[in-house]
Amino acid sequence: MPQKIRRVITGHDDSGKSIFIMDEYATAVKEMESMPGLALTDVWQTDQAPASNSGNNDATDRPVVLEPPQNGTIFRVVEFPPDSHWRDRADAHAAFDSIGAAHASDSESGDPMMHKTATVDYLIVLKGEIWAILEEGEVCLKQGDVMVQRGTNHSWSVRTDEPCLLAAVLVNATPV
């Protein structure tokens, strides 16, 4: 069961005054069936730049997909289970396909999670630790560490017994 993420969203009333329009657990949650324990929770999404702050509709009232729309962003929390819970038993292709990203998977890599997106990702480790893996090198990120992932081929690995919670802002970008 994915960790519940509380989100508090502001907006404007009919007279233009600031109000809280949501204070609830995020409902746009996708747990990967082929990778139990790997869950994406979308907190907010924009679909244009500059972003629009008008209206009070839930911007995440749509299916969870890996990448933001063209000129858009996604604010997401990702829960990664320990590798021992899934890595040798998962169907990575099915997982990427379930979030509209079969094109992102690197089928030539020996790492089933290796993938590339047309995004700039701002990442913050909220809890636990995770290894960021590139084609050349890897680094361990711990709670409080930040990383900027710039459209590179990458993968993730949790080598401890505790899940990792990662906050990510994905910004649509031109592919390299």
N, C-alpha and C. Protein backbone atom coordinates (compact mmCIF):
# COMPACT_ATOMS: atom_id res chain seq x y z
N MET A 1 0.84 -1.18 0.00
CA MET A 1 0.00 0.00 0.00
C MET A 1 0.88 1.24 0.00
N PRO A 2 0.75 2.10 -1.02
CA PRO A 2 1.59 3.29 -1.10
C PRO A 2 1.34 4.25 0.07
N GLN A 3 2.39 4.96 0.44
CA GLN A 3 2.25 5.98 1.47
C GLN A 3 1.27 7.05 1.00
N LYS A 4 0.38 7.48 1.88
CA LYS A 4 -0.56 8.54 1.52
C LYS A 4 0.15 9.88 1.62
N ILE A 5 -0.05 10.71 0.60
CA ILE A 5 0.58 12.02 0.53
C ILE A 5 -0.49 13.09 0.66
N ARG A 6 -0.40 13.87 1.74
CA ARG A 6 -1.35 14.97 1.93
C ARG A 6 -0.93 16.14 1.06
N ARG A 7 -1.91 16.71 0.37
CA ARG A 7 -1.62 17.90 -0.44
C ARG A 7 -2.59 19.01 -0.03
N VAL A 8 -2.05 20.20 0.06
CA VAL A 8 -2.82 21.40 0.36
C VAL A 8 -2.65 22.32 -0.83
N ILE A 9 -3.76 22.64 -1.49
CA ILE A 9 -3.72 23.41 -2.73
C ILE A 9 -4.49 24.72 -2.52
N THR A 10 -3.91 25.82 -2.99
CA THR A 10 -4.57 27.12 -2.87
C THR A 10 -5.22 27.51 -4.19
N GLY A 11 -6.10 28.47 -4.11
CA GLY A 11 -6.77 29.01 -5.29
C GLY A 11 -7.38 30.36 -4.95
N HIS A 12 -8.41 30.72 -5.70
CA HIS A 12 -9.05 32.03 -5.53
C HIS A 12 -10.57 31.86 -5.48
N ASP A 13 -11.22 32.67 -4.63
CA ASP A 13 -12.68 32.63 -4.61
C ASP A 13 -13.22 33.56 -5.71
N ASP A 14 -14.54 33.70 -5.78
CA ASP A 14 -15.16 34.51 -6.84
C ASP A 14 -14.76 35.98 -6.79
N SER A 15 -14.34 36.46 -5.62
CA SER A 15 -13.92 37.87 -5.52
C SER A 15 -12.40 38.02 -5.67
N GLY A 16 -11.70 36.92 -5.94
CA GLY A 16 -10.25 36.98 -6.17
C GLY A 16 -9.41 36.80 -4.92
N LYS A 17 -10.04 36.54 -3.77
CA LYS A 17 -9.28 36.35 -2.54
C LYS A 17 -8.70 34.94 -2.49
N SER A 18 -7.55 34.83 -1.85
CA SER A 18 -6.90 33.53 -1.75
C SER A 18 -7.65 32.63 -0.78
N ILE A 19 -7.78 31.36 -1.20
CA ILE A 19 -8.47 30.35 -0.40
C ILE A 19 -7.76 29.01 -0.53
N PHE A 20 -8.03 28.12 0.39
CA PHE A 20 -7.59 26.74 0.26
C PHE A 20 -8.67 26.00 -0.49
N ILE A 21 -8.32 25.39 -1.61
CA ILE A 21 -9.33 24.66 -2.38
C ILE A 21 -9.25 23.15 -2.14
N MET A 22 -8.13 22.68 -1.63
CA MET A 22 -7.99 21.26 -1.32
C MET A 22 -7.09 21.09 -0.11
N ASP A 23 -7.46 20.19 0.75
CA ASP A 23 -6.63 19.74 1.86
C ASP A 23 -7.03 18.29 2.06
N GLU A 24 -6.30 17.41 1.38
CA GLU A 24 -6.70 16.00 1.32
C GLU A 24 -5.51 15.16 0.91
N TYR A 25 -5.69 13.86 0.98
CA TYR A 25 -4.68 12.97 0.43
C TYR A 25 -4.79 12.98 -1.09
N ALA A 26 -3.65 13.02 -1.75
CA ALA A 26 -3.63 12.99 -3.21
C ALA A 26 -4.33 11.72 -3.71
N THR A 27 -5.12 11.87 -4.75
CA THR A 27 -5.89 10.73 -5.26
C THR A 27 -5.32 10.17 -6.56
N ALA A 28 -4.42 10.89 -7.22
CA ALA A 28 -3.81 10.41 -8.46
C ALA A 28 -2.62 9.53 -8.10
N VAL A 29 -2.90 8.27 -7.79
CA VAL A 29 -1.88 7.33 -7.33
C VAL A 29 -1.85 6.14 -8.27
N LYS A 30 -0.65 5.75 -8.67
CA LYS A 30 -0.49 4.59 -9.54
C LYS A 30 0.57 3.68 -8.93
N GLU A 31 0.14 2.53 -8.41
CA GLU A 31 1.10 1.53 -7.96
C GLU A 31 1.31 0.56 -9.10
N MET A 32 2.54 0.28 -9.41
CA MET A 32 2.87 -0.58 -10.54
C MET A 32 2.52 -2.03 -10.20
N GLU A 33 1.61 -2.60 -10.96
CA GLU A 33 1.22 -3.99 -10.73
C GLU A 33 2.40 -4.93 -10.93
N SER A 34 3.24 -4.64 -11.93
CA SER A 34 4.37 -5.52 -12.21
C SER A 34 5.58 -5.23 -11.33
N MET A 35 5.49 -4.19 -10.50
CA MET A 35 6.56 -3.84 -9.57
C MET A 35 5.93 -3.45 -8.24
N PRO A 36 5.44 -4.41 -7.47
CA PRO A 36 4.75 -4.09 -6.22
C PRO A 36 5.58 -3.21 -5.30
N GLY A 37 4.95 -2.18 -4.78
CA GLY A 37 5.63 -1.25 -3.89
C GLY A 37 6.15 -0.02 -4.58
N LEU A 38 6.27 -0.02 -5.91
CA LEU A 38 6.68 1.17 -6.65
C LEU A 38 5.42 1.96 -6.97
N ALA A 39 5.33 3.16 -6.41
CA ALA A 39 4.11 3.94 -6.57
C ALA A 39 4.42 5.39 -6.94
N LEU A 40 3.62 5.92 -7.86
CA LEU A 40 3.69 7.33 -8.26
C LEU A 40 2.46 8.03 -7.71
N THR A 41 2.67 9.13 -6.99
CA THR A 41 1.57 9.95 -6.49
C THR A 41 1.73 11.34 -7.06
N ASP A 42 0.81 11.73 -7.93
CA ASP A 42 0.87 13.05 -8.54
C ASP A 42 0.15 14.06 -7.65
N VAL A 43 0.87 15.13 -7.31
CA VAL A 43 0.34 16.17 -6.44
C VAL A 43 -0.31 17.27 -7.26
N TRP A 44 0.33 17.65 -8.38
CA TRP A 44 -0.21 18.71 -9.23
C TRP A 44 0.40 18.58 -10.61
N GLN A 45 -0.24 19.17 -11.59
CA GLN A 45 0.24 19.17 -12.97
C GLN A 45 -0.10 20.50 -13.63
N THR A 46 0.77 20.94 -14.51
CA THR A 46 0.45 22.08 -15.36
C THR A 46 0.55 21.61 -16.81
N ASP A 47 -0.15 22.32 -17.70
CA ASP A 47 -0.14 21.89 -19.10
C ASP A 47 0.26 23.00 -20.06
N GLN A 48 0.87 24.05 -19.52
CA GLN A 48 1.35 25.13 -20.39
C GLN A 48 2.39 25.94 -19.64
N ALA A 49 3.17 26.70 -20.42
CA ALA A 49 4.14 27.63 -19.84
C ALA A 49 3.96 28.97 -20.53
N PRO A 50 3.77 30.04 -19.76
CA PRO A 50 3.67 30.00 -18.30
C PRO A 50 2.42 29.27 -17.84
N ALA A 51 2.50 28.73 -16.61
CA ALA A 51 1.37 27.98 -16.04
C ALA A 51 0.23 28.93 -15.72
N SER A 52 -0.98 28.39 -15.74
CA SER A 52 -2.16 29.18 -15.39
C SER A 52 -2.55 28.88 -13.94
N ASN A 53 -2.83 29.93 -13.18
CA ASN A 53 -3.31 29.78 -11.81
C ASN A 53 -4.80 30.06 -11.70
N SER A 54 -5.49 30.11 -12.83
CA SER A 54 -6.94 30.36 -12.78
C SER A 54 -7.68 29.04 -12.61
N GLY A 55 -8.88 29.13 -12.11
CA GLY A 55 -9.71 27.95 -11.92
C GLY A 55 -9.35 27.20 -10.66
N ASN A 56 -10.27 26.36 -10.21
CA ASN A 56 -10.05 25.60 -8.99
C ASN A 56 -10.25 24.10 -9.19
N ASN A 57 -10.14 23.64 -10.44
CA ASN A 57 -10.28 22.22 -10.72
C ASN A 57 -9.01 21.47 -10.33
N ASP A 58 -9.17 20.19 -10.04
CA ASP A 58 -8.05 19.33 -9.68
C ASP A 58 -7.25 19.01 -10.95
N ALA A 59 -6.03 19.51 -11.02
CA ALA A 59 -5.19 19.33 -12.20
C ALA A 59 -4.69 17.89 -12.36
N THR A 60 -4.88 17.06 -11.34
CA THR A 60 -4.44 15.67 -11.44
C THR A 60 -5.61 14.71 -11.64
N ASP A 61 -6.74 15.23 -12.02
CA ASP A 61 -7.91 14.38 -12.28
C ASP A 61 -7.81 13.81 -13.69
N ARG A 62 -6.86 12.88 -13.83
CA ARG A 62 -6.58 12.21 -15.10
C ARG A 62 -5.67 11.03 -14.79
N PRO A 63 -5.47 10.11 -15.74
CA PRO A 63 -4.59 8.96 -15.47
C PRO A 63 -3.16 9.40 -15.18
N VAL A 64 -2.47 8.66 -14.34
CA VAL A 64 -1.06 8.93 -14.03
C VAL A 64 -0.21 8.43 -15.18
N VAL A 65 0.60 9.32 -15.73
CA VAL A 65 1.54 8.99 -16.81
C VAL A 65 2.94 9.43 -16.38
N LEU A 66 3.95 8.88 -17.04
CA LEU A 66 5.33 9.16 -16.64
C LEU A 66 5.73 10.62 -16.90
N GLU A 67 5.43 11.11 -18.10
CA GLU A 67 5.94 12.42 -18.50
C GLU A 67 4.84 13.49 -18.50
N PRO A 68 5.22 14.74 -18.25
CA PRO A 68 4.24 15.83 -18.32
C PRO A 68 3.87 16.13 -19.77
N PRO A 69 2.75 16.84 -19.97
CA PRO A 69 2.38 17.23 -21.33
C PRO A 69 3.38 18.23 -21.89
N GLN A 70 3.33 18.43 -23.20
CA GLN A 70 4.21 19.41 -23.83
C GLN A 70 4.04 20.76 -23.15
N ASN A 71 5.16 21.39 -22.80
CA ASN A 71 5.21 22.68 -22.10
C ASN A 71 4.65 22.61 -20.69
N GLY A 72 4.49 21.40 -20.13
CA GLY A 72 3.90 21.25 -18.81
C GLY A 72 4.87 20.70 -17.78
N THR A 73 4.32 20.50 -16.57
CA THR A 73 5.08 19.98 -15.44
C THR A 73 4.23 18.98 -14.67
N ILE A 74 4.89 18.14 -13.89
CA ILE A 74 4.23 17.28 -12.92
C ILE A 74 5.01 17.37 -11.62
N PHE A 75 4.29 17.58 -10.52
CA PHE A 75 4.87 17.50 -9.18
C PHE A 75 4.42 16.16 -8.61
N ARG A 76 5.39 15.30 -8.31
CA ARG A 76 5.10 13.91 -7.99
C ARG A 76 5.94 13.45 -6.80
N VAL A 77 5.39 12.50 -6.04
CA VAL A 77 6.16 11.79 -5.02
C VAL A 77 6.22 10.33 -5.47
N VAL A 78 7.43 9.78 -5.49
CA VAL A 78 7.62 8.40 -5.91
C VAL A 78 8.10 7.59 -4.71
N GLU A 79 7.45 6.45 -4.50
CA GLU A 79 7.88 5.53 -3.46
C GLU A 79 8.53 4.34 -4.13
N PHE A 80 9.82 4.14 -3.82
CA PHE A 80 10.58 3.03 -4.37
C PHE A 80 10.76 1.97 -3.29
N PRO A 81 10.35 0.73 -3.55
CA PRO A 81 10.58 -0.33 -2.57
C PRO A 81 12.03 -0.81 -2.64
N PRO A 82 12.47 -1.54 -1.62
CA PRO A 82 13.80 -2.13 -1.69
C PRO A 82 13.91 -3.05 -2.91
N ASP A 83 15.08 -3.09 -3.53
CA ASP A 83 15.31 -3.95 -4.70
C ASP A 83 14.92 -5.40 -4.41
N SER A 84 15.16 -5.85 -3.19
CA SER A 84 14.90 -7.25 -2.84
C SER A 84 13.43 -7.63 -2.97
N HIS A 85 12.54 -6.64 -3.02
CA HIS A 85 11.11 -6.90 -3.13
C HIS A 85 10.62 -7.08 -4.56
N TRP A 86 11.45 -6.68 -5.55
CA TRP A 86 10.92 -6.71 -6.91
C TRP A 86 11.94 -6.93 -8.02
N ARG A 87 13.16 -6.53 -7.84
CA ARG A 87 14.08 -6.37 -8.97
C ARG A 87 14.24 -7.61 -9.84
N ASP A 88 14.29 -8.80 -9.29
CA ASP A 88 14.48 -10.00 -10.12
C ASP A 88 13.17 -10.60 -10.61
N ARG A 89 12.05 -9.99 -10.24
CA ARG A 89 10.74 -10.55 -10.58
C ARG A 89 9.86 -9.59 -11.38
N ALA A 90 10.30 -8.41 -11.63
CA ALA A 90 9.45 -7.38 -12.25
C ALA A 90 9.44 -7.45 -13.76
N ASP A 91 8.36 -6.96 -14.33
CA ASP A 91 8.24 -6.79 -15.78
C ASP A 91 8.31 -5.29 -16.05
N ALA A 92 9.52 -4.80 -16.28
CA ALA A 92 9.73 -3.36 -16.45
C ALA A 92 8.98 -2.83 -17.66
N HIS A 93 8.96 -3.59 -18.76
CA HIS A 93 8.26 -3.12 -19.95
C HIS A 93 6.78 -2.90 -19.65
N ALA A 94 6.16 -3.83 -18.94
CA ALA A 94 4.74 -3.68 -18.56
C ALA A 94 4.55 -2.47 -17.65
N ALA A 95 5.49 -2.24 -16.75
CA ALA A 95 5.39 -1.09 -15.85
C ALA A 95 5.44 0.22 -16.62
N PHE A 96 6.41 0.37 -17.52
CA PHE A 96 6.49 1.60 -18.31
C PHE A 96 5.26 1.76 -19.20
N ASP A 97 4.81 0.67 -19.79
CA ASP A 97 3.63 0.72 -20.64
C ASP A 97 2.40 1.17 -19.86
N SER A 98 2.29 0.77 -18.59
CA SER A 98 1.11 1.11 -17.78
C SER A 98 1.03 2.60 -17.45
N ILE A 99 2.14 3.33 -17.65
CA ILE A 99 2.13 4.77 -17.42
C ILE A 99 2.41 5.54 -18.72
N GLY A 100 2.04 4.92 -19.83
CA GLY A 100 2.16 5.57 -21.14
C GLY A 100 3.57 5.86 -21.57
N ALA A 101 4.52 5.02 -21.16
CA ALA A 101 5.92 5.34 -21.44
C ALA A 101 6.71 4.13 -21.95
N ALA A 102 6.08 3.29 -22.75
CA ALA A 102 6.81 2.16 -23.32
C ALA A 102 8.02 2.66 -24.12
N HIS A 103 7.90 3.84 -24.71
CA HIS A 103 8.98 4.44 -25.51
C HIS A 103 10.20 4.83 -24.67
N ALA A 104 10.03 5.00 -23.37
CA ALA A 104 11.11 5.49 -22.52
C ALA A 104 12.09 4.40 -22.11
N SER A 105 11.64 3.15 -22.10
CA SER A 105 12.45 2.04 -21.62
C SER A 105 13.61 1.77 -22.57
N ASP A 106 14.78 1.51 -21.99
CA ASP A 106 15.97 1.17 -22.77
C ASP A 106 16.10 -0.35 -22.81
N SER A 107 15.57 -0.96 -23.85
CA SER A 107 15.54 -2.42 -23.95
C SER A 107 16.93 -3.02 -24.18
N GLU A 108 17.92 -2.20 -24.53
CA GLU A 108 19.27 -2.71 -24.77
C GLU A 108 20.10 -2.77 -23.49
N SER A 109 19.61 -2.15 -22.42
CA SER A 109 20.35 -2.12 -21.16
C SER A 109 20.12 -3.42 -20.39
N GLY A 110 21.10 -3.83 -19.62
CA GLY A 110 20.93 -4.98 -18.74
C GLY A 110 20.11 -4.65 -17.50
N ASP A 111 19.88 -3.36 -17.28
CA ASP A 111 19.08 -2.91 -16.14
C ASP A 111 17.65 -2.70 -16.63
N PRO A 112 16.68 -3.48 -16.15
CA PRO A 112 15.32 -3.37 -16.66
C PRO A 112 14.65 -2.03 -16.39
N MET A 113 15.18 -1.26 -15.43
CA MET A 113 14.59 0.04 -15.11
C MET A 113 15.25 1.20 -15.86
N MET A 114 16.28 0.94 -16.64
CA MET A 114 16.97 2.00 -17.36
C MET A 114 15.99 2.63 -18.36
N HIS A 115 15.89 3.97 -18.31
CA HIS A 115 14.95 4.67 -19.19
C HIS A 115 15.39 6.13 -19.37
N LYS A 116 14.79 6.77 -20.37
CA LYS A 116 15.09 8.17 -20.67
C LYS A 116 13.77 8.89 -20.94
N THR A 117 13.63 10.09 -20.38
CA THR A 117 12.44 10.90 -20.60
C THR A 117 12.83 12.25 -21.19
N ALA A 118 11.88 12.88 -21.86
CA ALA A 118 12.09 14.22 -22.41
C ALA A 118 11.71 15.24 -21.34
N THR A 119 12.50 15.23 -20.25
CA THR A 119 12.22 16.10 -19.10
C THR A 119 13.50 16.58 -18.44
N VAL A 120 13.37 17.64 -17.66
CA VAL A 120 14.34 18.01 -16.64
C VAL A 120 13.63 17.68 -15.34
N ASP A 121 14.26 16.88 -14.48
CA ASP A 121 13.64 16.47 -13.23
C ASP A 121 14.42 17.05 -12.05
N TYR A 122 13.69 17.74 -11.17
CA TYR A 122 14.27 18.25 -9.93
C TYR A 122 13.85 17.26 -8.84
N LEU A 123 14.82 16.61 -8.21
CA LEU A 123 14.55 15.50 -7.29
C LEU A 123 15.09 15.80 -5.90
N ILE A 124 14.29 15.44 -4.89
CA ILE A 124 14.68 15.61 -3.49
C ILE A 124 14.36 14.31 -2.75
N VAL A 125 15.34 13.73 -2.08
CA VAL A 125 15.09 12.53 -1.29
C VAL A 125 14.44 12.96 0.02
N LEU A 126 13.20 12.52 0.23
CA LEU A 126 12.45 12.86 1.45
C LEU A 126 12.74 11.88 2.58
N LYS A 127 12.91 10.60 2.22
CA LYS A 127 13.10 9.56 3.23
C LYS A 127 13.89 8.42 2.62
N GLY A 128 14.81 7.87 3.38
CA GLY A 128 15.57 6.72 2.92
C GLY A 128 16.76 7.12 2.06
N GLU A 129 17.20 6.16 1.25
CA GLU A 129 18.29 6.42 0.32
C GLU A 129 18.07 5.62 -0.95
N ILE A 130 18.65 6.13 -2.04
CA ILE A 130 18.47 5.51 -3.34
C ILE A 130 19.72 5.74 -4.18
N TRP A 131 20.05 4.77 -5.00
CA TRP A 131 21.17 4.91 -5.92
C TRP A 131 20.65 5.40 -7.26
N ALA A 132 21.21 6.49 -7.75
CA ALA A 132 20.94 6.98 -9.11
C ALA A 132 21.98 6.32 -10.00
N ILE A 133 21.51 5.66 -11.04
CA ILE A 133 22.39 4.89 -11.92
C ILE A 133 22.34 5.49 -13.32
N LEU A 134 23.49 5.82 -13.88
CA LEU A 134 23.59 6.30 -15.26
C LEU A 134 24.34 5.26 -16.08
N GLU A 135 24.49 5.53 -17.36
CA GLU A 135 25.24 4.60 -18.21
C GLU A 135 26.70 4.54 -17.79
N GLU A 136 27.20 5.63 -17.26
CA GLU A 136 28.58 5.69 -16.77
C GLU A 136 28.56 6.23 -15.35
N GLY A 137 28.46 5.35 -14.37
CA GLY A 137 28.55 5.75 -12.98
C GLY A 137 27.23 5.69 -12.22
N GLU A 138 27.36 5.75 -10.90
CA GLU A 138 26.21 5.75 -10.01
C GLU A 138 26.58 6.50 -8.74
N VAL A 139 25.55 7.03 -8.05
CA VAL A 139 25.79 7.77 -6.82
C VAL A 139 24.64 7.50 -5.85
N CYS A 140 24.98 7.42 -4.56
CA CYS A 140 23.97 7.19 -3.53
C CYS A 140 23.44 8.54 -3.04
N LEU A 141 22.13 8.68 -3.09
CA LEU A 141 21.46 9.89 -2.60
C LEU A 141 20.76 9.54 -1.30
N LYS A 142 20.93 10.40 -0.29
CA LYS A 142 20.32 10.16 1.03
C LYS A 142 19.35 11.29 1.36
N GLN A 143 18.58 11.09 2.42
CA GLN A 143 17.58 12.06 2.82
C GLN A 143 18.15 13.47 2.82
N GLY A 144 17.44 14.37 2.14
CA GLY A 144 17.87 15.77 2.03
C GLY A 144 18.71 16.07 0.80
N ASP A 145 19.26 15.05 0.15
CA ASP A 145 20.05 15.27 -1.06
C ASP A 145 19.13 15.63 -2.22
N VAL A 146 19.67 16.40 -3.15
CA VAL A 146 18.92 16.80 -4.34
C VAL A 146 19.70 16.41 -5.59
N MET A 147 18.98 16.22 -6.67
CA MET A 147 19.60 15.87 -7.95
C MET A 147 18.79 16.53 -9.06
N VAL A 148 19.47 16.95 -10.11
CA VAL A 148 18.81 17.44 -11.31
C VAL A 148 19.13 16.43 -12.41
N GLN A 149 18.09 15.77 -12.90
CA GLN A 149 18.22 14.75 -13.94
C GLN A 149 17.80 15.41 -15.26
N ARG A 150 18.73 15.53 -16.20
CA ARG A 150 18.53 16.33 -17.41
C ARG A 150 18.39 15.47 -18.66
N GLY A 151 17.31 14.69 -18.72
CA GLY A 151 17.03 13.92 -19.93
C GLY A 151 18.02 12.81 -20.22
N THR A 152 18.71 12.33 -19.18
CA THR A 152 19.71 11.28 -19.37
C THR A 152 19.08 9.90 -19.19
N ASN A 153 19.70 8.90 -19.78
CA ASN A 153 19.32 7.52 -19.56
C ASN A 153 19.67 7.21 -18.10
N HIS A 154 18.69 6.73 -17.31
CA HIS A 154 18.93 6.52 -15.89
C HIS A 154 18.07 5.41 -15.32
N SER A 155 18.46 4.97 -14.13
CA SER A 155 17.71 3.96 -13.39
C SER A 155 17.86 4.27 -11.91
N TRP A 156 17.12 3.49 -11.08
CA TRP A 156 17.11 3.70 -9.63
C TRP A 156 17.28 2.36 -8.94
N SER A 157 17.91 2.37 -7.77
CA SER A 157 18.11 1.15 -7.00
C SER A 157 18.08 1.47 -5.51
N VAL A 158 17.21 0.76 -4.76
CA VAL A 158 17.17 0.90 -3.31
C VAL A 158 17.83 -0.34 -2.73
N ARG A 159 19.02 -0.17 -2.18
CA ARG A 159 19.84 -1.30 -1.74
C ARG A 159 19.77 -1.53 -0.23
N THR A 160 18.82 -0.88 0.42
CA THR A 160 18.60 -1.09 1.86
C THR A 160 17.29 -1.86 2.02
N ASP A 161 16.90 -2.10 3.26
CA ASP A 161 15.65 -2.81 3.54
C ASP A 161 14.47 -1.86 3.70
N GLU A 162 14.69 -0.56 3.59
CA GLU A 162 13.63 0.44 3.76
C GLU A 162 13.31 1.10 2.43
N PRO A 163 12.03 1.40 2.18
CA PRO A 163 11.68 2.11 0.94
C PRO A 163 12.27 3.53 0.93
N CYS A 164 12.34 4.09 -0.25
CA CYS A 164 12.80 5.47 -0.42
C CYS A 164 11.63 6.30 -0.94
N LEU A 165 11.47 7.48 -0.37
CA LEU A 165 10.44 8.42 -0.83
C LEU A 165 11.15 9.60 -1.48
N LEU A 166 10.81 9.85 -2.74
CA LEU A 166 11.49 10.85 -3.55
C LEU A 166 10.47 11.85 -4.08
N ALA A 167 10.68 13.14 -3.86
CA ALA A 167 9.84 14.18 -4.46
C ALA A 167 10.48 14.59 -5.79
N ALA A 168 9.64 14.77 -6.80
CA ALA A 168 10.15 15.10 -8.13
C ALA A 168 9.26 16.13 -8.80
N VAL A 169 9.88 17.10 -9.43
CA VAL A 169 9.18 18.01 -10.32
C VAL A 169 9.72 17.72 -11.72
N LEU A 170 8.84 17.24 -12.59
CA LEU A 170 9.22 16.90 -13.96
C LEU A 170 8.79 18.04 -14.87
N VAL A 171 9.71 18.57 -15.63
CA VAL A 171 9.45 19.68 -16.54
C VAL A 171 9.68 19.20 -17.96
N ASN A 172 8.70 19.38 -18.82
CA ASN A 172 8.84 18.98 -20.22
C ASN A 172 10.05 19.66 -20.82
N ALA A 173 10.85 18.92 -21.58
CA ALA A 173 12.07 19.44 -22.17
C ALA A 173 12.26 18.88 -23.58
N THR A 174 13.10 19.55 -24.33
CA THR A 174 13.46 19.06 -25.66
C THR A 174 14.46 17.91 -25.48
N PRO A 175 14.22 16.75 -26.11
CA PRO A 175 15.15 15.63 -25.97
C PRO A 175 16.53 15.97 -26.51
N VAL A 176 17.57 15.37 -25.91
CA VAL A 176 18.94 15.58 -26.37
C VAL A 176 19.16 14.75 -27.63
